[in-house]
Amino acid sequence: MSSKMREPVRVRSALGLLAVMVILLFSPMRAGAWGCEGHQAVALIAERHMSAHALEMANKILQGSPIDPALPRFCASQGLDRLADSATWADDLRKDNPETSAWHYIDIPRDAPRSAMAESCPVSTGCVTLAIAHQIEVLRDDRAAPRALADALRFIIHFVGDLHQPLHCASNNDLGGNCVPIEFIGNAPVEKNPQYESYTPNLHAIWDYALIQRIKGPVSVERWAAALDQQFRPRAAAWQKAGVNVDDWAWEGHELADSVVYAKLPVAIPVEKPQVVKECNDDNHVSTRLLKLHEQVSQKYVDAVAPTINEQIAKAGVRLAMVLNQLWP
């Protein structure tokens, strides 16, 4: 393979797009960042940057306390190794453990200063930065039970990926874009829950799944991860030199949400005055108001944001390896 990543293959088949839309229609509110293949790619890239000792320790912990076979899995393992299969476990867990939902994101108001990060992570519920810090503490605890260690590791693998999806680090009173109805490549938004005024496709959902499907194309997740790692490997040293700083990573994602996710939409979305939003009918019916903008995402938007998506997934993989290498030098 050449040192330059090949031009992404576009998904054009009706069946491929239909599959994406089925995922969008039934994906839960505050869905996990990057969907199945995005999270799996983060783990696969991380393995390429982990020390032999860190990889050995991670596999030993995961093998010692495997995922409960009775747990319904949304993402097929597709023969992936333990680390990659573990990357999506935290989303499967949320149905029976709803208290973990808030651990996947940090809702920093769109135009807030960095000083607002602390208040965006309530101690009562937690957030992704606090969750990562807590799970690292568990892995450092010599007295932790094998199951606790394995769960903590699976959480970290997933949450570092979440942290690099910009909409998991920002909100415009729209639940990280979940309340922004989108017409995606000609598919008009449909109201999936009239009581809460939630629509699909929406901005968060296309960032989780549909954009990756169009950027990655039909290649396997292993080949896509390898190509991303090769493309961004020259920049890995600079990311590693900056060290492990979870708050910095969250703020970086927050800034990308404003400068890329929202900024490149065809219709400008006004910045909302921050308030507590629990459903899409809050903030004076935010989703219904935004529906009237007739936001139409075409291939032009996909092409504009693809470099950011590719870099964030590669960066998440390198940084996940940094966290694990630091735990097991």
C-alpha atoms as a PDB file:
ATOM      1  CA  MET A   1       0.000   0.000   0.000  1.00  0.00           C
ATOM      2  CA  SER A   2       1.319   3.463  -0.834  1.00  0.00           C
ATOM      3  CA  SER A   3       2.241   5.930   1.889  1.00  0.00           C
ATOM      4  CA  LYS A   4      -0.718   8.076   0.908  1.00  0.00           C
ATOM      5  CA  MET A   5      -4.174   6.802   1.795  1.00  0.00           C
ATOM      6  CA  ARG A   6      -6.259   5.963  -1.232  1.00  0.00           C
ATOM      7  CA  GLU A   7      -9.172   8.175  -2.148  1.00  0.00           C
ATOM      8  CA  PRO A   8     -12.205   6.951  -0.093  1.00  0.00           C
ATOM      9  CA  VAL A   9     -14.605   4.683  -1.913  1.00  0.00           C
ATOM     10  CA  ARG A  10     -18.128   6.094  -2.035  1.00  0.00           C
ATOM     11  CA  VAL A  11     -21.151   4.019  -1.126  1.00  0.00           C
ATOM     12  CA  ARG A  12     -23.606   4.392  -3.978  1.00  0.00           C
ATOM     13  CA  SER A  13     -25.756   1.292  -3.856  1.00  0.00           C
ATOM     14  CA  ALA A  14     -29.366   1.627  -2.784  1.00  0.00           C
ATOM     15  CA  LEU A  15     -28.986  -1.375  -0.497  1.00  0.00           C
ATOM     16  CA  GLY A  16     -25.983   0.143   1.246  1.00  0.00           C
ATOM     17  CA  LEU A  17     -27.789   3.402   1.905  1.00  0.00           C
ATOM     18  CA  LEU A  18     -30.893   1.532   3.045  1.00  0.00           C
ATOM     19  CA  ALA A  19     -28.825  -0.344   5.608  1.00  0.00           C
ATOM     20  CA  VAL A  20     -27.434   2.938   6.933  1.00  0.00           C
ATOM     21  CA  MET A  21     -30.905   4.417   7.180  1.00  0.00           C
ATOM     22  CA  VAL A  22     -32.207   1.413   9.126  1.00  0.00           C
ATOM     23  CA  ILE A  23     -29.417   1.975  11.648  1.00  0.00           C
ATOM     24  CA  LEU A  24     -30.293   5.664  11.873  1.00  0.00           C
ATOM     25  CA  LEU A  25     -33.989   4.991  12.337  1.00  0.00           C
ATOM     26  CA  PHE A  26     -33.526   2.690  15.279  1.00  0.00           C
ATOM     27  CA  SER A  27     -30.390   4.033  16.926  1.00  0.00           C
ATOM     28  CA  PRO A  28     -31.042   5.284  20.474  1.00  0.00           C
ATOM     29  CA  MET A  29     -30.919   8.885  21.641  1.00  0.00           C
ATOM     30  CA  ARG A  30     -27.380   9.919  22.539  1.00  0.00           C
ATOM     31  CA  ALA A  31     -26.060   7.079  20.424  1.00  0.00           C
ATOM     32  CA  GLY A  32     -22.473   5.955  20.850  1.00  0.00           C
ATOM     33  CA  ALA A  33     -19.943   7.918  18.858  1.00  0.00           C
ATOM     34  CA  TRP A  34     -18.616   6.533  15.572  1.00  0.00           C
ATOM     35  CA  GLY A  35     -21.012   3.597  15.464  1.00  0.00           C
ATOM     36  CA  CYS A  36     -19.655   0.064  15.186  1.00  0.00           C
ATOM     37  CA  GLU A  37     -16.841   0.374  12.688  1.00  0.00           C
ATOM     38  CA  GLY A  38     -15.571   3.717  13.935  1.00  0.00           C
ATOM     39  CA  HIS A  39     -15.070   2.381  17.461  1.00  0.00           C
ATOM     40  CA  GLN A  40     -13.596  -0.845  16.155  1.00  0.00           C
ATOM     41  CA  ALA A  41     -11.147   1.123  13.995  1.00  0.00           C
ATOM     42  CA  VAL A  42     -10.021   3.143  17.025  1.00  0.00           C
ATOM     43  CA  ALA A  43      -9.166  -0.076  18.882  1.00  0.00           C
ATOM     44  CA  LEU A  44      -7.412  -1.609  15.860  1.00  0.00           C
ATOM     45  CA  ILE A  45      -5.271   1.510  15.411  1.00  0.00           C
ATOM     46  CA  ALA A  46      -4.478   1.561  19.131  1.00  0.00           C
ATOM     47  CA  GLU A  47      -3.092  -1.975  18.917  1.00  0.00           C
ATOM     48  CA  ARG A  48      -0.580  -0.773  16.322  1.00  0.00           C
ATOM     49  CA  HIS A  49       0.801   1.769  18.812  1.00  0.00           C
ATOM     50  CA  MET A  50       0.658  -0.229  22.035  1.00  0.00           C
ATOM     51  CA  SER A  51       3.778  -1.637  23.627  1.00  0.00           C
ATOM     52  CA  ALA A  52       4.100  -5.421  23.716  1.00  0.00           C
ATOM     53  CA  HIS A  53       3.571  -5.364  27.482  1.00  0.00           C
ATOM     54  CA  ALA A  54       0.471  -3.169  27.318  1.00  0.00           C
ATOM     55  CA  LEU A  55      -1.074  -5.354  24.623  1.00  0.00           C
ATOM     56  CA  GLU A  56      -0.281  -8.478  26.614  1.00  0.00           C
ATOM     57  CA  MET A  57      -1.840  -7.045  29.780  1.00  0.00           C
ATOM     58  CA  ALA A  58      -4.962  -5.822  27.964  1.00  0.00           C
ATOM     59  CA  ASN A  59      -5.545  -9.189  26.313  1.00  0.00           C
ATOM     60  CA  LYS A  60      -4.935 -11.036  29.575  1.00  0.00           C
ATOM     61  CA  ILE A  61      -7.506  -8.903  31.412  1.00  0.00           C
ATOM     62  CA  LEU A  62     -10.113  -9.188  28.654  1.00  0.00           C
ATOM     63  CA  GLN A  63      -9.577 -12.940  28.288  1.00  0.00           C
ATOM     64  CA  GLY A  64      -9.863 -13.470  32.046  1.00  0.00           C
ATOM     65  CA  SER A  65     -13.307 -11.834  32.240  1.00  0.00           C
ATOM     66  CA  PRO A  66     -14.921 -12.000  28.806  1.00  0.00           C
ATOM     67  CA  ILE A  67     -18.089 -10.179  27.776  1.00  0.00           C
ATOM     68  CA  ASP A  68     -21.228 -11.879  29.066  1.00  0.00           C
ATOM     69  CA  PRO A  69     -22.478 -14.021  26.146  1.00  0.00           C
ATOM     70  CA  ALA A  70     -26.066 -13.283  27.253  1.00  0.00           C
ATOM     71  CA  LEU A  71     -25.597  -9.541  26.617  1.00  0.00           C
ATOM     72  CA  PRO A  72     -27.323  -8.545  23.354  1.00  0.00           C
ATOM     73  CA  ARG A  73     -24.680  -7.052  21.034  1.00  0.00           C
ATOM     74  CA  PHE A  74     -25.648  -4.390  18.511  1.00  0.00           C
ATOM     75  CA  CYS A  75     -22.367  -4.660  16.600  1.00  0.00           C
ATOM     76  CA  ALA A  76     -21.281  -7.967  15.116  1.00  0.00           C
ATOM     77  CA  SER A  77     -17.747  -8.961  16.114  1.00  0.00           C
ATOM     78  CA  GLN A  78     -17.000 -10.114  12.543  1.00  0.00           C
ATOM     79  CA  GLY A  79     -14.109 -12.216  13.821  1.00  0.00           C
ATOM     80  CA  LEU A  80     -12.354  -9.196  15.346  1.00  0.00           C
ATOM     81  CA  ASP A  81      -9.938  -9.624  18.232  1.00  0.00           C
ATOM     82  CA  ARG A  82     -10.847  -8.979  21.875  1.00  0.00           C
ATOM     83  CA  LEU A  83      -9.790  -5.344  21.929  1.00  0.00           C
ATOM     84  CA  ALA A  84     -11.767  -4.410  18.823  1.00  0.00           C
ATOM     85  CA  ASP A  85     -14.826  -6.397  19.920  1.00  0.00           C
ATOM     86  CA  SER A  86     -14.674  -4.703  23.335  1.00  0.00           C
ATOM     87  CA  ALA A  87     -14.794  -1.262  21.703  1.00  0.00           C
ATOM     88  CA  THR A  88     -18.602  -1.278  21.390  1.00  0.00           C
ATOM     89  CA  TRP A  89     -19.493  -3.077  24.634  1.00  0.00           C
ATOM     90  CA  ALA A  90     -20.195   0.125  26.599  1.00  0.00           C
ATOM     91  CA  ASP A  91     -23.078   1.001  24.264  1.00  0.00           C
ATOM     92  CA  ASP A  92     -24.643  -2.450  24.659  1.00  0.00           C
ATOM     93  CA  LEU A  93     -24.445  -2.075  28.437  1.00  0.00           C
ATOM     94  CA  ARG A  94     -26.528   1.115  28.573  1.00  0.00           C
ATOM     95  CA  LYS A  95     -29.924  -0.520  28.122  1.00  0.00           C
ATOM     96  CA  ASP A  96     -29.695  -2.337  31.453  1.00  0.00           C
ATOM     97  CA  ASN A  97     -27.381   0.233  33.069  1.00  0.00           C
ATOM     98  CA  PRO A  98     -28.850   3.642  32.135  1.00  0.00           C
ATOM     99  CA  GLU A  99     -26.732   5.367  34.781  1.00  0.00           C
ATOM    100  CA  THR A 100     -23.756   4.909  32.464  1.00  0.00           C
ATOM    101  CA  SER A 101     -25.352   6.914  29.615  1.00  0.00           C
ATOM    102  CA  ALA A 102     -24.008  10.268  30.800  1.00  0.00           C
ATOM    103  CA  TRP A 103     -20.479   8.840  30.833  1.00  0.00           C
ATOM    104  CA  HIS A 104     -20.326   8.914  27.026  1.00  0.00           C
ATOM    105  CA  TYR A 105     -20.275  12.690  26.484  1.00  0.00           C
ATOM    106  CA  ILE A 106     -19.722  16.142  27.946  1.00  0.00           C
ATOM    107  CA  ASP A 107     -22.247  18.786  26.922  1.00  0.00           C
ATOM    108  CA  ILE A 108     -20.117  21.924  26.727  1.00  0.00           C
ATOM    109  CA  PRO A 109     -22.321  24.777  25.415  1.00  0.00           C
ATOM    110  CA  ARG A 110     -21.400  25.673  21.879  1.00  0.00           C
ATOM    111  CA  ASP A 111     -20.048  29.193  22.508  1.00  0.00           C
ATOM    112  CA  ALA A 112     -18.826  28.583  26.068  1.00  0.00           C
ATOM    113  CA  PRO A 113     -15.296  29.393  27.274  1.00  0.00           C
ATOM    114  CA  ARG A 114     -13.046  26.561  28.386  1.00  0.00           C
ATOM    115  CA  SER A 115     -13.796  27.461  31.990  1.00  0.00           C
ATOM    116  CA  ALA A 116     -17.306  26.057  31.433  1.00  0.00           C
ATOM    117  CA  MET A 117     -15.972  22.509  31.162  1.00  0.00           C
ATOM    118  CA  ALA A 118     -16.204  21.878  34.905  1.00  0.00           C
ATOM    119  CA  GLU A 119     -19.880  22.838  35.153  1.00  0.00           C
ATOM    120  CA  SER A 120     -20.588  20.795  32.015  1.00  0.00           C
ATOM    121  CA  CYS A 121     -19.654  17.648  33.945  1.00  0.00           C
ATOM    122  CA  PRO A 122     -21.996  17.337  36.952  1.00  0.00           C
ATOM    123  CA  VAL A 123     -20.614  15.125  39.695  1.00  0.00           C
ATOM    124  CA  SER A 124     -24.110  13.666  40.165  1.00  0.00           C
ATOM    125  CA  THR A 125     -24.159  12.098  36.689  1.00  0.00           C
ATOM    126  CA  GLY A 126     -20.556  12.226  35.529  1.00  0.00           C
ATOM    127  CA  CYS A 127     -19.374  12.746  31.969  1.00  0.00           C
ATOM    128  CA  VAL A 128     -16.875  11.224  29.557  1.00  0.00           C
ATOM    129  CA  THR A 129     -13.779  12.951  30.970  1.00  0.00           C
ATOM    130  CA  LEU A 130     -14.658  12.019  34.550  1.00  0.00           C
ATOM    131  CA  ALA A 131     -15.542   8.469  33.486  1.00  0.00           C
ATOM    132  CA  ILE A 132     -12.176   7.961  31.803  1.00  0.00           C
ATOM    133  CA  ALA A 133     -10.345   9.241  34.892  1.00  0.00           C
ATOM    134  CA  HIS A 134     -12.372   6.940  37.152  1.00  0.00           C
ATOM    135  CA  GLN A 135     -11.823   3.834  35.011  1.00  0.00           C
ATOM    136  CA  ILE A 136      -8.088   4.532  34.902  1.00  0.00           C
ATOM    137  CA  GLU A 137      -8.119   4.569  38.719  1.00  0.00           C
ATOM    138  CA  VAL A 138      -9.844   1.168  38.713  1.00  0.00           C
ATOM    139  CA  LEU A 139      -7.154  -0.277  36.437  1.00  0.00           C
ATOM    140  CA  ARG A 140      -4.461   1.078  38.746  1.00  0.00           C
ATOM    141  CA  ASP A 141      -6.056  -0.563  41.798  1.00  0.00           C
ATOM    142  CA  ASP A 142      -4.183  -3.744  42.710  1.00  0.00           C
ATOM    143  CA  ARG A 143      -7.190  -4.856  44.769  1.00  0.00           C
ATOM    144  CA  ALA A 144      -9.744  -4.567  41.937  1.00  0.00           C
ATOM    145  CA  ALA A 145     -11.550  -7.767  40.993  1.00  0.00           C
ATOM    146  CA  PRO A 146     -10.856  -9.285  37.565  1.00  0.00           C
ATOM    147  CA  ARG A 147     -14.368  -8.387  36.330  1.00  0.00           C
ATOM    148  CA  ALA A 148     -13.964  -4.774  37.473  1.00  0.00           C
ATOM    149  CA  LEU A 149     -10.630  -4.554  35.663  1.00  0.00           C
ATOM    150  CA  ALA A 150     -12.055  -5.961  32.435  1.00  0.00           C
ATOM    151  CA  ASP A 151     -15.088  -3.669  32.535  1.00  0.00           C
ATOM    152  CA  ALA A 152     -12.884  -0.644  33.256  1.00  0.00           C
ATOM    153  CA  LEU A 153     -10.678  -1.491  30.287  1.00  0.00           C
ATOM    154  CA  ARG A 154     -13.691  -1.931  28.000  1.00  0.00           C
ATOM    155  CA  PHE A 155     -15.057   1.415  29.170  1.00  0.00           C
ATOM    156  CA  ILE A 156     -11.761   3.174  28.427  1.00  0.00           C
ATOM    157  CA  ILE A 157     -11.495   1.647  24.955  1.00  0.00           C
ATOM    158  CA  HIS A 158     -14.953   3.000  24.161  1.00  0.00           C
ATOM    159  CA  PHE A 159     -14.828   6.346  25.958  1.00  0.00           C
ATOM    160  CA  VAL A 160     -11.576   7.482  24.342  1.00  0.00           C
ATOM    161  CA  GLY A 161     -13.327   6.910  21.019  1.00  0.00           C
ATOM    162  CA  ASP A 162     -16.394   8.826  22.206  1.00  0.00           C
ATOM    163  CA  LEU A 163     -14.238  11.742  23.269  1.00  0.00           C
ATOM    164  CA  HIS A 164     -12.993  12.198  19.707  1.00  0.00           C
ATOM    165  CA  GLN A 165     -16.442  12.481  18.131  1.00  0.00           C
ATOM    166  CA  PRO A 166     -16.917  16.273  18.254  1.00  0.00           C
ATOM    167  CA  LEU A 167     -20.644  16.108  19.014  1.00  0.00           C
ATOM    168  CA  HIS A 168     -19.855  14.194  22.209  1.00  0.00           C
ATOM    169  CA  CYS A 169     -18.095  17.323  23.467  1.00  0.00           C
ATOM    170  CA  ALA A 170     -20.598  20.016  22.536  1.00  0.00           C
ATOM    171  CA  SER A 171     -24.269  20.893  22.597  1.00  0.00           C
ATOM    172  CA  ASN A 172     -26.369  23.739  21.262  1.00  0.00           C
ATOM    173  CA  ASN A 173     -29.387  22.830  23.420  1.00  0.00           C
ATOM    174  CA  ASP A 174     -29.712  19.990  20.896  1.00  0.00           C
ATOM    175  CA  LEU A 175     -28.398  16.976  22.838  1.00  0.00           C
ATOM    176  CA  GLY A 176     -25.178  16.939  20.873  1.00  0.00           C
ATOM    177  CA  GLY A 177     -26.923  17.295  17.523  1.00  0.00           C
ATOM    178  CA  ASN A 178     -29.592  14.670  18.199  1.00  0.00           C
ATOM    179  CA  CYS A 179     -32.243  17.396  17.935  1.00  0.00           C
ATOM    180  CA  VAL A 180     -31.043  18.741  14.576  1.00  0.00           C
ATOM    181  CA  PRO A 181     -33.195  17.178  11.809  1.00  0.00           C
ATOM    182  CA  ILE A 182     -31.178  16.524   8.650  1.00  0.00           C
ATOM    183  CA  GLU A 183     -32.086  15.627   5.105  1.00  0.00           C
ATOM    184  CA  PHE A 184     -29.253  13.220   4.349  1.00  0.00           C
ATOM    185  CA  ILE A 185     -28.382  12.534   0.703  1.00  0.00           C
ATOM    186  CA  GLY A 186     -32.013  13.012  -0.332  1.00  0.00           C
ATOM    187  CA  ASN A 187     -33.559  11.173   2.658  1.00  0.00           C
ATOM    188  CA  ALA A 188     -35.911  13.606   4.409  1.00  0.00           C
ATOM    189  CA  PRO A 189     -36.121  13.653   8.216  1.00  0.00           C
ATOM    190  CA  VAL A 190     -38.977  11.657   9.724  1.00  0.00           C
ATOM    191  CA  GLU A 191     -40.441  12.266  13.178  1.00  0.00           C
ATOM    192  CA  LYS A 192     -39.709   9.039  15.046  1.00  0.00           C
ATOM    193  CA  ASN A 193     -41.149  10.129  18.384  1.00  0.00           C
ATOM    194  CA  PRO A 194     -43.922  12.779  18.204  1.00  0.00           C
ATOM    195  CA  GLN A 195     -44.107  13.065  21.992  1.00  0.00           C
ATOM    196  CA  TYR A 196     -40.486  14.226  22.249  1.00  0.00           C
ATOM    197  CA  GLU A 197     -40.249  15.701  18.744  1.00  0.00           C
ATOM    198  CA  SER A 198     -37.218  13.653  17.774  1.00  0.00           C
ATOM    199  CA  TYR A 199     -36.321  13.167  14.126  1.00  0.00           C
ATOM    200  CA  THR A 200     -34.167  10.874  12.052  1.00  0.00           C
ATOM    201  CA  PRO A 201     -31.866  11.370  10.261  1.00  0.00           C
ATOM    202  CA  ASN A 202     -30.360  13.923  12.625  1.00  0.00           C
ATOM    203  CA  LEU A 203     -26.949  15.558  12.872  1.00  0.00           C
ATOM    204  CA  HIS A 204     -25.619  13.331  15.639  1.00  0.00           C
ATOM    205  CA  ALA A 205     -26.754  10.127  13.972  1.00  0.00           C
ATOM    206  CA  ILE A 206     -25.127  10.890  10.637  1.00  0.00           C
ATOM    207  CA  TRP A 207     -21.847  11.651  12.415  1.00  0.00           C
ATOM    208  CA  ASP A 208     -22.103   8.361  14.300  1.00  0.00           C
ATOM    209  CA  TYR A 209     -22.849   6.110  11.351  1.00  0.00           C
ATOM    210  CA  ALA A 210     -23.798   7.421   7.940  1.00  0.00           C
ATOM    211  CA  LEU A 211     -20.803   9.653   7.261  1.00  0.00           C
ATOM    212  CA  ILE A 212     -18.382   6.872   8.158  1.00  0.00           C
ATOM    213  CA  GLN A 213     -20.220   4.470   5.873  1.00  0.00           C
ATOM    214  CA  ARG A 214     -19.807   6.819   2.934  1.00  0.00           C
ATOM    215  CA  ILE A 215     -16.189   7.693   3.761  1.00  0.00           C
ATOM    216  CA  LYS A 216     -15.044   4.128   4.452  1.00  0.00           C
ATOM    217  CA  GLY A 217     -16.908   2.506   1.599  1.00  0.00           C
ATOM    218  CA  PRO A 218     -17.099  -1.296   1.258  1.00  0.00           C
ATOM    219  CA  VAL A 219     -13.592  -2.113   2.575  1.00  0.00           C
ATOM    220  CA  SER A 220     -13.283  -4.084   5.807  1.00  0.00           C
ATOM    221  CA  VAL A 221     -12.803  -2.237   9.066  1.00  0.00           C
ATOM    222  CA  GLU A 222      -9.339  -3.836   9.387  1.00  0.00           C
ATOM    223  CA  ARG A 223      -8.217  -2.450   6.025  1.00  0.00           C
ATOM    224  CA  TRP A 224      -9.745   0.956   6.751  1.00  0.00           C
ATOM    225  CA  ALA A 225      -8.013   1.162  10.151  1.00  0.00           C
ATOM    226  CA  ALA A 226      -4.692   0.144   8.594  1.00  0.00           C
ATOM    227  CA  ALA A 227      -5.056   2.800   5.873  1.00  0.00           C
ATOM    228  CA  LEU A 228      -5.897   5.518   8.413  1.00  0.00           C
ATOM    229  CA  ASP A 229      -2.942   4.540  10.574  1.00  0.00           C
ATOM    230  CA  GLN A 230      -0.620   4.669   7.594  1.00  0.00           C
ATOM    231  CA  GLN A 231      -1.944   8.060   6.507  1.00  0.00           C
ATOM    232  CA  PHE A 232      -1.617   9.702   9.920  1.00  0.00           C
ATOM    233  CA  ARG A 233       1.392   7.823  11.334  1.00  0.00           C
ATOM    234  CA  PRO A 234       3.751  10.746  10.479  1.00  0.00           C
ATOM    235  CA  ARG A 235       1.720  12.882  12.911  1.00  0.00           C
ATOM    236  CA  ALA A 236       1.541  10.326  15.701  1.00  0.00           C
ATOM    237  CA  ALA A 237       4.810  11.439  17.296  1.00  0.00           C
ATOM    238  CA  ALA A 238       3.466  14.961  17.821  1.00  0.00           C
ATOM    239  CA  TRP A 239       0.256  13.633  19.390  1.00  0.00           C
ATOM    240  CA  GLN A 240       2.282  11.376  21.686  1.00  0.00           C
ATOM    241  CA  LYS A 241       4.631  14.200  22.664  1.00  0.00           C
ATOM    242  CA  ALA A 242       1.661  16.264  23.905  1.00  0.00           C
ATOM    243  CA  GLY A 243       0.970  13.557  26.489  1.00  0.00           C
ATOM    244  CA  VAL A 244      -2.240  12.242  28.031  1.00  0.00           C
ATOM    245  CA  ASN A 245      -4.568  15.144  28.813  1.00  0.00           C
ATOM    246  CA  VAL A 246      -8.211  14.145  28.622  1.00  0.00           C
ATOM    247  CA  ASP A 247      -9.509  17.692  29.198  1.00  0.00           C
ATOM    248  CA  ASP A 248      -7.417  18.956  26.281  1.00  0.00           C
ATOM    249  CA  TRP A 249      -8.853  16.244  24.059  1.00  0.00           C
ATOM    250  CA  ALA A 250     -12.407  17.152  25.066  1.00  0.00           C
ATOM    251  CA  TRP A 251     -11.835  20.846  24.375  1.00  0.00           C
ATOM    252  CA  GLU A 252     -10.296  20.007  21.015  1.00  0.00           C
ATOM    253  CA  GLY A 253     -13.448  18.061  20.123  1.00  0.00           C
ATOM    254  CA  HIS A 254     -15.614  20.919  21.335  1.00  0.00           C
ATOM    255  CA  GLU A 255     -13.833  23.378  19.041  1.00  0.00           C
ATOM    256  CA  LEU A 256     -14.154  20.986  16.096  1.00  0.00           C
ATOM    257  CA  ALA A 257     -17.892  20.745  16.690  1.00  0.00           C
ATOM    258  CA  ASP A 258     -18.207  24.470  16.135  1.00  0.00           C
ATOM    259  CA  SER A 259     -15.585  24.926  13.394  1.00  0.00           C
ATOM    260  CA  VAL A 260     -16.422  21.803  11.374  1.00  0.00           C
ATOM    261  CA  VAL A 261     -19.640  19.995  12.335  1.00  0.00           C
ATOM    262  CA  TYR A 262     -21.875  23.075  12.541  1.00  0.00           C
ATOM    263  CA  ALA A 263     -19.818  25.487  10.435  1.00  0.00           C
ATOM    264  CA  LYS A 264     -19.848  23.350   7.296  1.00  0.00           C
ATOM    265  CA  LEU A 265     -23.609  22.763   7.284  1.00  0.00           C
ATOM    266  CA  PRO A 266     -25.322  24.447   4.315  1.00  0.00           C
ATOM    267  CA  VAL A 267     -27.624  26.485   6.594  1.00  0.00           C
ATOM    268  CA  ALA A 268     -26.117  28.299   9.576  1.00  0.00           C
ATOM    269  CA  ILE A 269     -27.584  27.186  12.910  1.00  0.00           C
ATOM    270  CA  PRO A 270     -27.817  30.037  15.443  1.00  0.00           C
ATOM    271  CA  VAL A 271     -26.115  29.584  18.800  1.00  0.00           C
ATOM    272  CA  GLU A 272     -28.757  28.932  21.477  1.00  0.00           C
ATOM    273  CA  LYS A 273     -28.644  30.491  24.925  1.00  0.00           C
ATOM    274  CA  PRO A 274     -27.571  27.541  27.108  1.00  0.00           C
ATOM    275  CA  GLN A 275     -30.268  25.853  29.154  1.00  0.00           C
ATOM    276  CA  VAL A 276     -31.001  22.351  30.424  1.00  0.00           C
ATOM    277  CA  VAL A 277     -32.426  20.180  27.655  1.00  0.00           C
ATOM    278  CA  LYS A 278     -33.564  16.607  28.278  1.00  0.00           C
ATOM    279  CA  GLU A 279     -35.654  16.006  25.166  1.00  0.00           C
ATOM    280  CA  CYS A 280     -35.915  17.554  21.709  1.00  0.00           C
ATOM    281  CA  ASN A 281     -39.159  19.321  22.604  1.00  0.00           C
ATOM    282  CA  ASP A 282     -37.368  21.430  25.243  1.00  0.00           C
ATOM    283  CA  ASP A 283     -35.954  24.933  24.611  1.00  0.00           C
ATOM    284  CA  ASN A 284     -39.148  26.081  22.908  1.00  0.00           C
ATOM    285  CA  HIS A 285     -39.364  22.952  20.737  1.00  0.00           C
ATOM    286  CA  VAL A 286     -35.774  23.137  19.530  1.00  0.00           C
ATOM    287  CA  SER A 287     -35.981  20.269  17.029  1.00  0.00           C
ATOM    288  CA  THR A 288     -39.191  21.546  15.430  1.00  0.00           C
ATOM    289  CA  ARG A 289     -37.650  25.007  15.110  1.00  0.00           C
ATOM    290  CA  LEU A 290     -34.518  23.581  13.517  1.00  0.00           C
ATOM    291  CA  LEU A 291     -36.588  21.418  11.179  1.00  0.00           C
ATOM    292  CA  LYS A 292     -37.748  24.647   9.537  1.00  0.00           C
ATOM    293  CA  LEU A 293     -34.145  25.373   8.474  1.00  0.00           C
ATOM    294  CA  HIS A 294     -34.445  22.514   5.949  1.00  0.00           C
ATOM    295  CA  GLU A 295     -30.852  21.419   6.545  1.00  0.00           C
ATOM    296  CA  GLN A 296     -29.821  19.346   3.517  1.00  0.00           C
ATOM    297  CA  VAL A 297     -26.605  17.361   3.797  1.00  0.00           C
ATOM    298  CA  SER A 298     -25.181  16.340   0.428  1.00  0.00           C
ATOM    299  CA  GLN A 299     -21.956  14.716  -0.712  1.00  0.00           C
ATOM    300  CA  LYS A 300     -20.376  18.172  -0.527  1.00  0.00           C
ATOM    301  CA  TYR A 301     -20.714  18.124   3.284  1.00  0.00           C
ATOM    302  CA  VAL A 302     -19.395  14.548   3.440  1.00  0.00           C
ATOM    303  CA  ASP A 303     -16.289  15.578   1.500  1.00  0.00           C
ATOM    304  CA  ALA A 304     -15.816  18.682   3.655  1.00  0.00           C
ATOM    305  CA  VAL A 305     -15.870  16.826   6.981  1.00  0.00           C
ATOM    306  CA  ALA A 306     -14.171  13.573   5.908  1.00  0.00           C
ATOM    307  CA  PRO A 307     -10.620  14.803   6.728  1.00  0.00           C
ATOM    308  CA  THR A 308     -11.716  15.660  10.279  1.00  0.00           C
ATOM    309  CA  ILE A 309     -13.448  12.321  10.805  1.00  0.00           C
ATOM    310  CA  ASN A 310     -10.458  10.374   9.507  1.00  0.00           C
ATOM    311  CA  GLU A 311      -8.010  12.320  11.667  1.00  0.00           C
ATOM    312  CA  GLN A 312     -10.124  12.067  14.817  1.00  0.00           C
ATOM    313  CA  ILE A 313     -10.400   8.287  14.516  1.00  0.00           C
ATOM    314  CA  ALA A 314      -6.670   7.938  13.899  1.00  0.00           C
ATOM    315  CA  LYS A 315      -5.911  10.315  16.749  1.00  0.00           C
ATOM    316  CA  ALA A 316      -8.258   8.429  19.095  1.00  0.00           C
ATOM    317  CA  GLY A 317      -6.424   5.196  18.322  1.00  0.00           C
ATOM    318  CA  VAL A 318      -3.008   6.702  19.017  1.00  0.00           C
ATOM    319  CA  ARG A 319      -4.235   8.342  22.224  1.00  0.00           C
ATOM    320  CA  LEU A 320      -5.955   5.178  23.457  1.00  0.00           C
ATOM    321  CA  ALA A 321      -2.600   3.436  23.062  1.00  0.00           C
ATOM    322  CA  MET A 322      -0.972   6.263  25.020  1.00  0.00           C
ATOM    323  CA  VAL A 323      -3.378   5.736  27.931  1.00  0.00           C
ATOM    324  CA  LEU A 324      -2.802   1.982  27.985  1.00  0.00           C
ATOM    325  CA  ASN A 325       0.975   2.250  27.539  1.00  0.00           C
ATOM    326  CA  GLN A 326       1.039   4.613  30.492  1.00  0.00           C
ATOM    327  CA  LEU A 327      -0.906   2.100  32.601  1.00  0.00           C
ATOM    328  CA  TRP A 328       1.390  -0.775  31.662  1.00  0.00           C
ATOM    329  CA  PRO A 329       4.817   0.642  30.659  1.00  0.00           C
END
